[in-house]
Amino acid sequence: MAPFDEDNLVPCFGFGDDTTRDQEVFSFHGDQSPCYGFEEVLACYKKIAPNLRLSGPTSYGPVIEAAIDIVEKSKGQYHVLIIIADGQVTKNTRDGELSPQEEQTIKAIVDASSYPLSIILVGVGDGPWEDMKRFDDKIPAREFDNFQFVNFTAIMSEKATLSEKETTFALTALMEIPLQYKAAVEFGVMGCSTGRAKKIFPRPPPVPCSSRSAPCREPSPALFA
């Protein structure tokens, strides 16, 4: 995604620790500024991750709502939200019934379809991921199909060269982006502010991450991680 990011600014959020659980997100920076480039994203992640105490239940709703809020503030510029997760949405109900976390996530995805926002969920680790493979089918009518699941671990476990696996992952993750962008244009959600987005106030990061590679500016159409 980096070649498509004009200003190299990446808003980053974390979730699923003992402070955010399934209700909130935290920003990678205390002032809620975006990271400058993927080098800073990785540096902040390496500093923050060892200090996290992971805690369930798991919902992707809060991070999707945070992305919607940024798209709204950008006056409807097209964005891509990439969620990197090591587990699927919590399901503690009988077959055929949705858990509160599933309902929250589905509602957020449906709400996001009113904005020029594509959502890519990247599964890392052994999951389990079976429910996420079928998750798209559980989502009711949307303005456009805005959600894509990619099993990173499965792709990287295939018998192929590293270059071939990286190419497969990139193609799988991005294959729906052109159609989603076209759909967002056709449905008239580009360049519009709805005024309905939930205002999100991220928590500060568990540890400060203040090293910056460049002066912070307002992000233009970019990437969330």
C-alpha atoms as a PDB file:
ATOM      1  CA  MET A   1       0.000   0.000   0.000  1.00  0.00           C
ATOM      2  CA  ALA A   2       2.930   2.374   0.580  1.00  0.00           C
ATOM      3  CA  PRO A   3       3.255   3.439  -3.103  1.00  0.00           C
ATOM      4  CA  PHE A   4      -0.382   4.657  -3.026  1.00  0.00           C
ATOM      5  CA  ASP A   5       0.089   6.752   0.140  1.00  0.00           C
ATOM      6  CA  GLU A   6       0.929  10.258  -1.028  1.00  0.00           C
ATOM      7  CA  ASP A   7       2.068  11.773   2.275  1.00  0.00           C
ATOM      8  CA  ASN A   8       3.332   8.607   3.995  1.00  0.00           C
ATOM      9  CA  LEU A   9       1.128   9.246   7.050  1.00  0.00           C
ATOM     10  CA  VAL A  10      -0.425   6.164   8.642  1.00  0.00           C
ATOM     11  CA  PRO A  11      -3.009   6.542  11.449  1.00  0.00           C
ATOM     12  CA  CYS A  12      -2.512   3.541  13.747  1.00  0.00           C
ATOM     13  CA  PHE A  13      -4.653   2.082  16.513  1.00  0.00           C
ATOM     14  CA  GLY A  14      -4.472  -0.892  18.831  1.00  0.00           C
ATOM     15  CA  PHE A  15      -7.276  -2.828  20.482  1.00  0.00           C
ATOM     16  CA  GLY A  16      -7.969  -6.002  22.423  1.00  0.00           C
ATOM     17  CA  ASP A  17      -5.835  -5.286  25.482  1.00  0.00           C
ATOM     18  CA  ASP A  18      -7.015  -5.057  29.087  1.00  0.00           C
ATOM     19  CA  THR A  19      -7.801  -1.334  28.743  1.00  0.00           C
ATOM     20  CA  THR A  20      -9.698  -1.347  25.439  1.00  0.00           C
ATOM     21  CA  ARG A  21     -11.133  -4.889  25.362  1.00  0.00           C
ATOM     22  CA  ASP A  22     -14.076  -4.916  22.894  1.00  0.00           C
ATOM     23  CA  GLN A  23     -15.096  -1.294  23.505  1.00  0.00           C
ATOM     24  CA  GLU A  24     -12.283   1.119  22.600  1.00  0.00           C
ATOM     25  CA  VAL A  25      -9.003   1.635  20.735  1.00  0.00           C
ATOM     26  CA  PHE A  26      -5.719   3.253  21.696  1.00  0.00           C
ATOM     27  CA  SER A  27      -3.616   5.445  19.424  1.00  0.00           C
ATOM     28  CA  PHE A  28       0.047   4.677  18.737  1.00  0.00           C
ATOM     29  CA  HIS A  29       0.847   8.289  19.755  1.00  0.00           C
ATOM     30  CA  GLY A  30      -0.358  10.161  22.814  1.00  0.00           C
ATOM     31  CA  ASP A  31      -1.320  13.176  20.701  1.00  0.00           C
ATOM     32  CA  GLN A  32      -3.252  10.851  18.324  1.00  0.00           C
ATOM     33  CA  SER A  33      -1.043  11.872  15.404  1.00  0.00           C
ATOM     34  CA  PRO A  34      -0.383   9.366  12.602  1.00  0.00           C
ATOM     35  CA  CYS A  35       2.863   7.485  12.168  1.00  0.00           C
ATOM     36  CA  TYR A  36       5.204   8.696   9.449  1.00  0.00           C
ATOM     37  CA  GLY A  37       5.904   5.749   7.199  1.00  0.00           C
ATOM     38  CA  PHE A  38       5.932   2.055   7.915  1.00  0.00           C
ATOM     39  CA  GLU A  39       9.300   2.270   9.630  1.00  0.00           C
ATOM     40  CA  GLU A  40       7.689   4.318  12.400  1.00  0.00           C
ATOM     41  CA  VAL A  41       4.644   2.025  12.465  1.00  0.00           C
ATOM     42  CA  LEU A  42       6.915  -0.953  13.090  1.00  0.00           C
ATOM     43  CA  ALA A  43       9.076   0.916  15.620  1.00  0.00           C
ATOM     44  CA  CYS A  44       6.018   1.962  17.641  1.00  0.00           C
ATOM     45  CA  TYR A  45       4.525  -1.520  17.457  1.00  0.00           C
ATOM     46  CA  LYS A  46       7.752  -3.082  18.764  1.00  0.00           C
ATOM     47  CA  LYS A  47       7.778  -0.603  21.638  1.00  0.00           C
ATOM     48  CA  ILE A  48       4.100  -0.969  22.542  1.00  0.00           C
ATOM     49  CA  ALA A  49       3.460  -4.700  22.034  1.00  0.00           C
ATOM     50  CA  PRO A  50       5.676  -6.035  24.871  1.00  0.00           C
ATOM     51  CA  ASN A  51       3.812  -3.812  27.341  1.00  0.00           C
ATOM     52  CA  LEU A  52       0.317  -4.994  26.402  1.00  0.00           C
ATOM     53  CA  ARG A  53      -1.801  -7.339  28.458  1.00  0.00           C
ATOM     54  CA  LEU A  54      -4.115  -8.912  25.911  1.00  0.00           C
ATOM     55  CA  SER A  55      -7.707  -9.418  26.955  1.00  0.00           C
ATOM     56  CA  GLY A  56     -10.934 -10.568  25.341  1.00  0.00           C
ATOM     57  CA  PRO A  57     -13.601 -10.541  24.208  1.00  0.00           C
ATOM     58  CA  THR A  58     -12.656  -9.531  20.655  1.00  0.00           C
ATOM     59  CA  SER A  59     -14.561  -7.112  18.441  1.00  0.00           C
ATOM     60  CA  TYR A  60     -13.429  -5.225  15.350  1.00  0.00           C
ATOM     61  CA  GLY A  61     -16.223  -2.698  15.800  1.00  0.00           C
ATOM     62  CA  PRO A  62     -14.235  -0.023  17.675  1.00  0.00           C
ATOM     63  CA  VAL A  63     -11.328   0.098  15.198  1.00  0.00           C
ATOM     64  CA  ILE A  64     -13.751   0.263  12.254  1.00  0.00           C
ATOM     65  CA  GLU A  65     -15.568   3.136  13.977  1.00  0.00           C
ATOM     66  CA  ALA A  66     -12.218   4.897  14.462  1.00  0.00           C
ATOM     67  CA  ALA A  67     -11.533   4.552  10.726  1.00  0.00           C
ATOM     68  CA  ILE A  68     -14.994   5.890   9.851  1.00  0.00           C
ATOM     69  CA  ASP A  69     -14.363   8.923  12.061  1.00  0.00           C
ATOM     70  CA  ILE A  70     -11.129   9.706  10.181  1.00  0.00           C
ATOM     71  CA  VAL A  71     -12.826   9.304   6.791  1.00  0.00           C
ATOM     72  CA  GLU A  72     -15.585  11.661   7.945  1.00  0.00           C
ATOM     73  CA  LYS A  73     -13.012  14.231   9.077  1.00  0.00           C
ATOM     74  CA  SER A  74     -11.289  13.960   5.683  1.00  0.00           C
ATOM     75  CA  LYS A  75     -14.577  14.992   4.015  1.00  0.00           C
ATOM     76  CA  GLY A  76     -15.055  11.642   2.351  1.00  0.00           C
ATOM     77  CA  GLN A  77     -11.661  10.868   0.868  1.00  0.00           C
ATOM     78  CA  TYR A  78     -11.094   7.205   0.017  1.00  0.00           C
ATOM     79  CA  HIS A  79      -9.253   5.196   2.681  1.00  0.00           C
ATOM     80  CA  VAL A  80      -8.264   1.589   3.290  1.00  0.00           C
ATOM     81  CA  LEU A  81      -8.436   0.092   6.784  1.00  0.00           C
ATOM     82  CA  ILE A  82      -6.124  -2.858   7.363  1.00  0.00           C
ATOM     83  CA  ILE A  83      -6.865  -4.821  10.522  1.00  0.00           C
ATOM     84  CA  ILE A  84      -4.098  -7.197  11.583  1.00  0.00           C
ATOM     85  CA  ALA A  85      -5.460  -9.691  14.086  1.00  0.00           C
ATOM     86  CA  ASP A  86      -4.467 -12.985  15.675  1.00  0.00           C
ATOM     87  CA  GLY A  87      -7.976 -14.141  16.468  1.00  0.00           C
ATOM     88  CA  GLN A  88     -11.494 -13.948  15.130  1.00  0.00           C
ATOM     89  CA  VAL A  89     -14.416 -12.054  16.618  1.00  0.00           C
ATOM     90  CA  THR A  90     -15.556 -13.644  19.867  1.00  0.00           C
ATOM     91  CA  LYS A  91     -18.372 -16.147  19.381  1.00  0.00           C
ATOM     92  CA  ASN A  92     -19.822 -17.609  22.563  1.00  0.00           C
ATOM     93  CA  THR A  93     -23.327 -18.365  21.330  1.00  0.00           C
ATOM     94  CA  ARG A  94     -25.039 -21.334  19.750  1.00  0.00           C
ATOM     95  CA  ASP A  95     -24.763 -21.985  16.027  1.00  0.00           C
ATOM     96  CA  GLY A  96     -26.960 -19.593  14.089  1.00  0.00           C
ATOM     97  CA  GLU A  97     -26.851 -16.942  16.812  1.00  0.00           C
ATOM     98  CA  LEU A  98     -24.625 -13.875  16.755  1.00  0.00           C
ATOM     99  CA  SER A  99     -22.555 -12.878  19.762  1.00  0.00           C
ATOM    100  CA  PRO A 100     -22.642  -9.228  20.940  1.00  0.00           C
ATOM    101  CA  GLN A 101     -19.157  -8.796  19.470  1.00  0.00           C
ATOM    102  CA  GLU A 102     -20.276 -10.186  16.098  1.00  0.00           C
ATOM    103  CA  GLU A 103     -23.293  -7.871  16.102  1.00  0.00           C
ATOM    104  CA  GLN A 104     -21.075  -4.885  16.948  1.00  0.00           C
ATOM    105  CA  THR A 105     -18.591  -5.752  14.197  1.00  0.00           C
ATOM    106  CA  ILE A 106     -21.284  -6.373  11.586  1.00  0.00           C
ATOM    107  CA  LYS A 107     -23.026  -3.078  12.405  1.00  0.00           C
ATOM    108  CA  ALA A 108     -19.725  -1.223  12.041  1.00  0.00           C
ATOM    109  CA  ILE A 109     -19.040  -2.849   8.646  1.00  0.00           C
ATOM    110  CA  VAL A 110     -22.544  -1.953   7.433  1.00  0.00           C
ATOM    111  CA  ASP A 111     -22.131   1.625   8.689  1.00  0.00           C
ATOM    112  CA  ALA A 112     -18.731   1.820   6.963  1.00  0.00           C
ATOM    113  CA  SER A 113     -20.349   1.044   3.604  1.00  0.00           C
ATOM    114  CA  SER A 114     -21.837   4.550   3.682  1.00  0.00           C
ATOM    115  CA  TYR A 115     -18.287   5.896   3.453  1.00  0.00           C
ATOM    116  CA  PRO A 116     -15.449   5.508   0.920  1.00  0.00           C
ATOM    117  CA  LEU A 117     -13.684   2.962   3.130  1.00  0.00           C
ATOM    118  CA  SER A 118     -12.413  -0.513   2.279  1.00  0.00           C
ATOM    119  CA  ILE A 119     -11.713  -2.970   5.105  1.00  0.00           C
ATOM    120  CA  ILE A 120      -9.083  -5.698   4.844  1.00  0.00           C
ATOM    121  CA  LEU A 121      -8.786  -8.145   7.739  1.00  0.00           C
ATOM    122  CA  VAL A 122      -5.418  -9.914   7.804  1.00  0.00           C
ATOM    123  CA  GLY A 123      -5.399 -13.071   9.910  1.00  0.00           C
ATOM    124  CA  VAL A 124      -2.052 -13.824  11.559  1.00  0.00           C
ATOM    125  CA  GLY A 125      -1.464 -17.043  13.488  1.00  0.00           C
ATOM    126  CA  ASP A 126      -3.570 -20.173  13.792  1.00  0.00           C
ATOM    127  CA  GLY A 127      -6.826 -18.316  14.471  1.00  0.00           C
ATOM    128  CA  PRO A 128      -9.152 -20.198  14.335  1.00  0.00           C
ATOM    129  CA  TRP A 129     -10.337 -18.430  11.195  1.00  0.00           C
ATOM    130  CA  GLU A 130     -13.175 -20.627   9.934  1.00  0.00           C
ATOM    131  CA  ASP A 131     -15.881 -18.201  11.067  1.00  0.00           C
ATOM    132  CA  MET A 132     -14.089 -15.234   9.495  1.00  0.00           C
ATOM    133  CA  LYS A 133     -13.991 -17.017   6.131  1.00  0.00           C
ATOM    134  CA  ARG A 134     -17.805 -17.139   6.267  1.00  0.00           C
ATOM    135  CA  PHE A 135     -18.216 -13.795   8.013  1.00  0.00           C
ATOM    136  CA  ASP A 136     -18.933 -11.884   4.821  1.00  0.00           C
ATOM    137  CA  ASP A 137     -22.069 -13.979   4.310  1.00  0.00           C
ATOM    138  CA  LYS A 138     -23.466 -12.886   7.693  1.00  0.00           C
ATOM    139  CA  ILE A 139     -23.355  -9.202   6.813  1.00  0.00           C
ATOM    140  CA  PRO A 140     -26.708  -7.795   5.623  1.00  0.00           C
ATOM    141  CA  ALA A 141     -27.209  -5.422   2.725  1.00  0.00           C
ATOM    142  CA  ARG A 142     -24.518  -2.763   2.340  1.00  0.00           C
ATOM    143  CA  GLU A 143     -24.003   0.123  -0.052  1.00  0.00           C
ATOM    144  CA  PHE A 144     -21.103  -1.917  -1.484  1.00  0.00           C
ATOM    145  CA  ASP A 145     -19.059  -5.002  -0.563  1.00  0.00           C
ATOM    146  CA  ASN A 146     -16.413  -3.337   1.602  1.00  0.00           C
ATOM    147  CA  PHE A 147     -14.913  -6.252   3.574  1.00  0.00           C
ATOM    148  CA  GLN A 148     -12.193  -8.747   2.661  1.00  0.00           C
ATOM    149  CA  PHE A 149     -10.542 -11.458   4.825  1.00  0.00           C
ATOM    150  CA  VAL A 150      -7.032 -12.689   4.021  1.00  0.00           C
ATOM    151  CA  ASN A 151      -5.337 -15.554   5.879  1.00  0.00           C
ATOM    152  CA  PHE A 152      -1.722 -14.382   5.945  1.00  0.00           C
ATOM    153  CA  THR A 153      -0.411 -17.425   7.806  1.00  0.00           C
ATOM    154  CA  ALA A 154      -1.994 -19.882   5.373  1.00  0.00           C
ATOM    155  CA  ILE A 155      -0.496 -18.065   2.390  1.00  0.00           C
ATOM    156  CA  MET A 156       2.971 -17.870   3.949  1.00  0.00           C
ATOM    157  CA  SER A 157       2.818 -21.600   4.790  1.00  0.00           C
ATOM    158  CA  GLU A 158       2.403 -22.618   1.148  1.00  0.00           C
ATOM    159  CA  LYS A 159       5.197 -24.424  -0.693  1.00  0.00           C
ATOM    160  CA  ALA A 160       6.596 -21.569  -2.754  1.00  0.00           C
ATOM    161  CA  THR A 161       9.425 -19.064  -2.723  1.00  0.00           C
ATOM    162  CA  LEU A 162       9.190 -16.102  -0.360  1.00  0.00           C
ATOM    163  CA  SER A 163       8.759 -13.776  -3.323  1.00  0.00           C
ATOM    164  CA  GLU A 164       5.901 -15.878  -4.704  1.00  0.00           C
ATOM    165  CA  LYS A 165       4.172 -15.975  -1.316  1.00  0.00           C
ATOM    166  CA  GLU A 166       4.517 -12.225  -0.847  1.00  0.00           C
ATOM    167  CA  THR A 167       3.073 -11.663  -4.317  1.00  0.00           C
ATOM    168  CA  THR A 168       0.149 -13.995  -3.591  1.00  0.00           C
ATOM    169  CA  PHE A 169      -0.573 -12.191  -0.328  1.00  0.00           C
ATOM    170  CA  ALA A 170      -0.495  -8.755  -1.969  1.00  0.00           C
ATOM    171  CA  LEU A 171      -2.756  -9.852  -4.817  1.00  0.00           C
ATOM    172  CA  THR A 172      -5.220 -11.550  -2.447  1.00  0.00           C
ATOM    173  CA  ALA A 173      -5.361  -8.591  -0.073  1.00  0.00           C
ATOM    174  CA  LEU A 174      -5.778  -5.954  -2.774  1.00  0.00           C
ATOM    175  CA  MET A 175      -7.777  -7.790  -5.429  1.00  0.00           C
ATOM    176  CA  GLU A 176     -11.106  -6.204  -4.446  1.00  0.00           C
ATOM    177  CA  ILE A 177      -9.823  -2.644  -3.952  1.00  0.00           C
ATOM    178  CA  PRO A 178     -10.397  -1.453  -7.570  1.00  0.00           C
ATOM    179  CA  LEU A 179     -13.997  -2.716  -7.568  1.00  0.00           C
ATOM    180  CA  GLN A 180     -14.635  -1.251  -4.119  1.00  0.00           C
ATOM    181  CA  TYR A 181     -13.240   2.120  -5.172  1.00  0.00           C
ATOM    182  CA  LYS A 182     -15.418   2.073  -8.291  1.00  0.00           C
ATOM    183  CA  ALA A 183     -18.466   1.133  -6.201  1.00  0.00           C
ATOM    184  CA  ALA A 184     -17.805   3.971  -3.759  1.00  0.00           C
ATOM    185  CA  VAL A 185     -17.736   6.397  -6.689  1.00  0.00           C
ATOM    186  CA  GLU A 186     -20.892   4.961  -8.260  1.00  0.00           C
ATOM    187  CA  PHE A 187     -22.841   5.061  -4.986  1.00  0.00           C
ATOM    188  CA  GLY A 188     -21.900   8.692  -4.487  1.00  0.00           C
ATOM    189  CA  VAL A 189     -20.138   8.343  -1.128  1.00  0.00           C
ATOM    190  CA  MET A 190     -16.859   9.897  -2.302  1.00  0.00           C
ATOM    191  CA  GLY A 191     -16.136  13.413  -1.120  1.00  0.00           C
ATOM    192  CA  CYS A 192     -19.117  13.567   1.226  1.00  0.00           C
ATOM    193  CA  SER A 193     -19.455  14.121   4.962  1.00  0.00           C
ATOM    194  CA  THR A 194     -22.527  12.467   6.437  1.00  0.00           C
ATOM    195  CA  GLY A 195     -22.418  14.109   9.852  1.00  0.00           C
ATOM    196  CA  ARG A 196     -23.439  10.754  11.336  1.00  0.00           C
ATOM    197  CA  ALA A 197     -20.018   9.326  12.201  1.00  0.00           C
ATOM    198  CA  LYS A 198     -19.425   8.492  15.843  1.00  0.00           C
ATOM    199  CA  LYS A 199     -16.716  10.732  17.284  1.00  0.00           C
ATOM    200  CA  ILE A 200     -13.908   8.538  18.572  1.00  0.00           C
ATOM    201  CA  PHE A 201     -11.549   9.493  21.391  1.00  0.00           C
ATOM    202  CA  PRO A 202      -8.755   6.912  21.419  1.00  0.00           C
ATOM    203  CA  ARG A 203      -6.954   6.063  24.614  1.00  0.00           C
ATOM    204  CA  PRO A 204      -3.252   6.963  24.855  1.00  0.00           C
ATOM    205  CA  PRO A 205      -0.779   4.177  24.083  1.00  0.00           C
ATOM    206  CA  PRO A 206       0.270   1.910  26.984  1.00  0.00           C
ATOM    207  CA  VAL A 207       3.802   3.344  26.646  1.00  0.00           C
ATOM    208  CA  PRO A 208       4.866   6.622  24.993  1.00  0.00           C
ATOM    209  CA  CYS A 209       6.058   6.332  21.411  1.00  0.00           C
ATOM    210  CA  SER A 210       7.413   9.772  20.640  1.00  0.00           C
ATOM    211  CA  SER A 211      10.250   9.249  18.156  1.00  0.00           C
ATOM    212  CA  ARG A 212       9.284  10.821  14.841  1.00  0.00           C
ATOM    213  CA  SER A 213      10.891  10.540  11.434  1.00  0.00           C
ATOM    214  CA  ALA A 214       9.285  13.730  10.097  1.00  0.00           C
ATOM    215  CA  PRO A 215       7.067  16.591  11.227  1.00  0.00           C
ATOM    216  CA  CYS A 216       3.504  15.519  11.824  1.00  0.00           C
ATOM    217  CA  ARG A 217       0.815  16.780   9.454  1.00  0.00           C
ATOM    218  CA  GLU A 218      -2.821  16.061   8.884  1.00  0.00           C
ATOM    219  CA  PRO A 219      -3.181  12.749   7.013  1.00  0.00           C
ATOM    220  CA  SER A 220      -4.499  12.708   3.462  1.00  0.00           C
ATOM    221  CA  PRO A 221      -6.067   9.588   1.879  1.00  0.00           C
ATOM    222  CA  ALA A 222      -3.878   6.945   3.413  1.00  0.00           C
ATOM    223  CA  LEU A 223      -3.808   3.672   5.242  1.00  0.00           C
ATOM    224  CA  PHE A 224      -4.876   2.595   8.680  1.00  0.00           C
ATOM    225  CA  ALA A 225      -3.068  -0.201  10.473  1.00  0.00           C
END
